[in-house]
C-alpha cells in the first residue's frame, strides 16, 4: 500500500511534462489536465490504440 500511495503522489505531482502529444499536467486529483492516449502492444508485437482517457 505504501508504494501505491507513493506512485499516486508522484503522478499527481507531474507538471509540464513534454510528451509526444504535447505538454501534460496533472490536477490535484491526479487526473490529466488533457486527454491521454493509451497505446498497447498486441500479441504480434504491434502498437495499437487502447483507449483515450479524458479528464
N, C-alpha and C. Protein backbone atom coordinates (compact mmCIF):
# COMPACT_ATOMS: atom_id res chain seq x y z
N UNK A 1 0.83 -1.20 0.00
CA UNK A 1 0.00 0.00 0.00
C UNK A 1 0.87 1.26 0.00
N UNK A 2 1.96 1.22 0.72
CA UNK A 2 2.84 2.39 0.80
C UNK A 2 3.37 2.76 -0.59
N UNK A 3 3.78 1.76 -1.38
CA UNK A 3 4.29 2.03 -2.73
C UNK A 3 3.20 2.57 -3.63
N UNK A 4 1.98 2.08 -3.48
CA UNK A 4 0.86 2.57 -4.29
C UNK A 4 0.61 4.05 -4.03
N UNK A 5 0.65 4.44 -2.77
CA UNK A 5 0.44 5.84 -2.42
C UNK A 5 1.58 6.71 -2.96
N UNK A 6 2.79 6.20 -2.91
CA UNK A 6 3.94 6.95 -3.43
C UNK A 6 3.81 7.16 -4.93
N UNK A 7 3.36 6.13 -5.65
CA UNK A 7 3.16 6.25 -7.10
C UNK A 7 2.08 7.28 -7.39
N UNK A 8 0.97 7.21 -6.66
CA UNK A 8 -0.13 8.17 -6.84
C UNK A 8 0.36 9.59 -6.61
N UNK A 9 1.13 9.79 -5.56
CA UNK A 9 1.65 11.12 -5.24
C UNK A 9 2.59 11.63 -6.33
N UNK A 10 3.44 10.75 -6.84
CA UNK A 10 4.37 11.16 -7.90
C UNK A 10 3.63 11.51 -9.19
N UNK A 11 2.61 10.73 -9.54
CA UNK A 11 1.83 11.04 -10.74
C UNK A 11 1.10 12.37 -10.59
N UNK A 12 0.54 12.62 -9.42
CA UNK A 12 -0.19 13.87 -9.17
C UNK A 12 0.74 15.09 -9.22
N UNK A 13 2.03 14.87 -9.02
CA UNK A 13 2.99 15.98 -9.00
C UNK A 13 3.51 16.35 -10.38
N UNK A 14 3.11 15.63 -11.42
CA UNK A 14 3.60 15.91 -12.77
C UNK A 14 3.12 17.29 -13.22
N UNK A 15 4.06 18.12 -13.64
CA UNK A 15 3.76 19.45 -14.14
C UNK A 15 4.65 19.72 -15.35
N UNK A 16 4.06 20.08 -16.46
CA UNK A 16 4.82 20.49 -17.63
C UNK A 16 5.63 19.39 -18.29
N UNK A 17 5.18 18.14 -18.22
CA UNK A 17 5.90 17.03 -18.86
C UNK A 17 5.73 17.14 -20.37
N UNK A 18 6.82 17.24 -21.10
CA UNK A 18 6.77 17.34 -22.56
C UNK A 18 6.77 15.94 -23.16
N UNK A 19 5.60 15.47 -23.55
CA UNK A 19 5.45 14.16 -24.15
C UNK A 19 5.24 14.25 -25.65
N UNK A 20 5.04 13.13 -26.28
CA UNK A 20 4.85 13.06 -27.73
C UNK A 20 3.65 13.88 -28.18
N UNK A 21 2.59 13.86 -27.39
CA UNK A 21 1.35 14.55 -27.79
C UNK A 21 1.25 15.97 -27.23
N UNK A 22 2.31 16.46 -26.61
CA UNK A 22 2.30 17.81 -26.06
C UNK A 22 2.60 17.82 -24.58
N UNK A 23 2.32 18.93 -23.95
CA UNK A 23 2.61 19.11 -22.53
C UNK A 23 1.52 18.49 -21.67
N UNK A 24 1.92 17.78 -20.64
CA UNK A 24 0.98 17.11 -19.75
C UNK A 24 1.12 17.66 -18.34
N UNK A 25 0.00 18.02 -17.76
CA UNK A 25 -0.07 18.43 -16.35
C UNK A 25 -1.11 17.56 -15.67
N UNK A 26 -0.93 17.31 -14.39
CA UNK A 26 -1.91 16.56 -13.61
C UNK A 26 -2.56 17.53 -12.63
N UNK A 27 -3.87 17.37 -12.40
CA UNK A 27 -4.54 18.24 -11.44
C UNK A 27 -4.37 17.68 -10.03
N UNK A 28 -4.93 18.34 -9.05
CA UNK A 28 -4.78 17.93 -7.66
C UNK A 28 -5.37 16.55 -7.37
N UNK A 29 -6.31 16.11 -8.19
CA UNK A 29 -6.92 14.79 -8.02
C UNK A 29 -6.09 13.69 -8.66
N UNK A 30 -5.04 14.09 -9.39
CA UNK A 30 -4.23 13.10 -10.08
C UNK A 30 -4.74 12.78 -11.47
N UNK A 31 -5.70 13.58 -11.96
CA UNK A 31 -6.23 13.38 -13.31
C UNK A 31 -5.45 14.23 -14.30
N UNK A 32 -5.28 13.73 -15.53
CA UNK A 32 -4.57 14.53 -16.53
C UNK A 32 -5.38 15.77 -16.90
N UNK A 33 -4.69 16.88 -17.13
CA UNK A 33 -5.36 18.12 -17.50
C UNK A 33 -5.75 18.12 -18.97
N UNK A 34 -5.32 17.12 -19.73
CA UNK A 34 -5.75 16.95 -21.10
C UNK A 34 -5.87 15.45 -21.36
N UNK A 35 -6.47 15.11 -22.47
CA UNK A 35 -6.67 13.70 -22.78
C UNK A 35 -5.33 12.98 -22.92
N UNK A 36 -5.30 11.75 -22.47
CA UNK A 36 -4.12 10.91 -22.60
C UNK A 36 -4.46 9.74 -23.51
N UNK A 37 -3.64 9.52 -24.52
CA UNK A 37 -3.83 8.41 -25.44
C UNK A 37 -3.02 7.24 -24.91
N UNK A 38 -3.68 6.11 -24.70
CA UNK A 38 -3.01 4.92 -24.17
C UNK A 38 -2.87 3.92 -25.31
N UNK A 39 -1.64 3.51 -25.55
CA UNK A 39 -1.34 2.58 -26.63
C UNK A 39 -0.81 1.30 -26.00
N UNK A 40 -1.19 0.17 -26.58
CA UNK A 40 -0.68 -1.12 -26.08
C UNK A 40 0.01 -1.86 -27.21
N UNK A 41 0.76 -2.87 -26.85
CA UNK A 41 1.42 -3.73 -27.82
C UNK A 41 0.62 -5.02 -27.88
N UNK A 42 0.15 -5.38 -29.07
CA UNK A 42 -0.67 -6.58 -29.21
C UNK A 42 0.20 -7.84 -29.26
N UNK A 43 -0.42 -8.98 -29.43
CA UNK A 43 0.29 -10.27 -29.43
C UNK A 43 1.27 -10.40 -30.59
N UNK A 44 1.10 -9.59 -31.63
CA UNK A 44 2.01 -9.62 -32.78
C UNK A 44 3.18 -8.66 -32.60
N UNK A 45 3.22 -7.96 -31.46
CA UNK A 45 4.28 -7.00 -31.20
C UNK A 45 4.05 -5.65 -31.85
N UNK A 46 2.82 -5.41 -32.29
CA UNK A 46 2.48 -4.15 -32.96
C UNK A 46 1.81 -3.20 -31.98
N UNK A 47 2.03 -1.91 -32.18
CA UNK A 47 1.37 -0.90 -31.37
C UNK A 47 -0.05 -0.72 -31.86
N UNK A 48 -0.98 -0.58 -30.93
CA UNK A 48 -2.36 -0.29 -31.30
C UNK A 48 -3.00 0.59 -30.23
N UNK A 49 -3.94 1.39 -30.69
CA UNK A 49 -4.64 2.28 -29.77
C UNK A 49 -5.45 1.44 -28.78
N UNK A 50 -5.34 1.77 -27.51
CA UNK A 50 -6.08 1.04 -26.48
C UNK A 50 -7.29 1.85 -26.05
N UNK A 51 -7.05 3.10 -25.61
CA UNK A 51 -8.15 3.97 -25.24
C UNK A 51 -7.64 5.39 -25.03
N UNK A 52 -8.57 6.32 -24.96
CA UNK A 52 -8.26 7.71 -24.67
C UNK A 52 -8.94 8.06 -23.36
N UNK A 53 -8.15 8.53 -22.41
CA UNK A 53 -8.68 8.94 -21.11
C UNK A 53 -8.84 10.45 -21.10
N UNK A 54 -10.03 10.91 -20.80
CA UNK A 54 -10.30 12.34 -20.74
C UNK A 54 -10.46 12.76 -19.28
N UNK A 55 -10.00 13.98 -18.97
CA UNK A 55 -10.13 14.45 -17.58
C UNK A 55 -11.57 14.66 -17.16
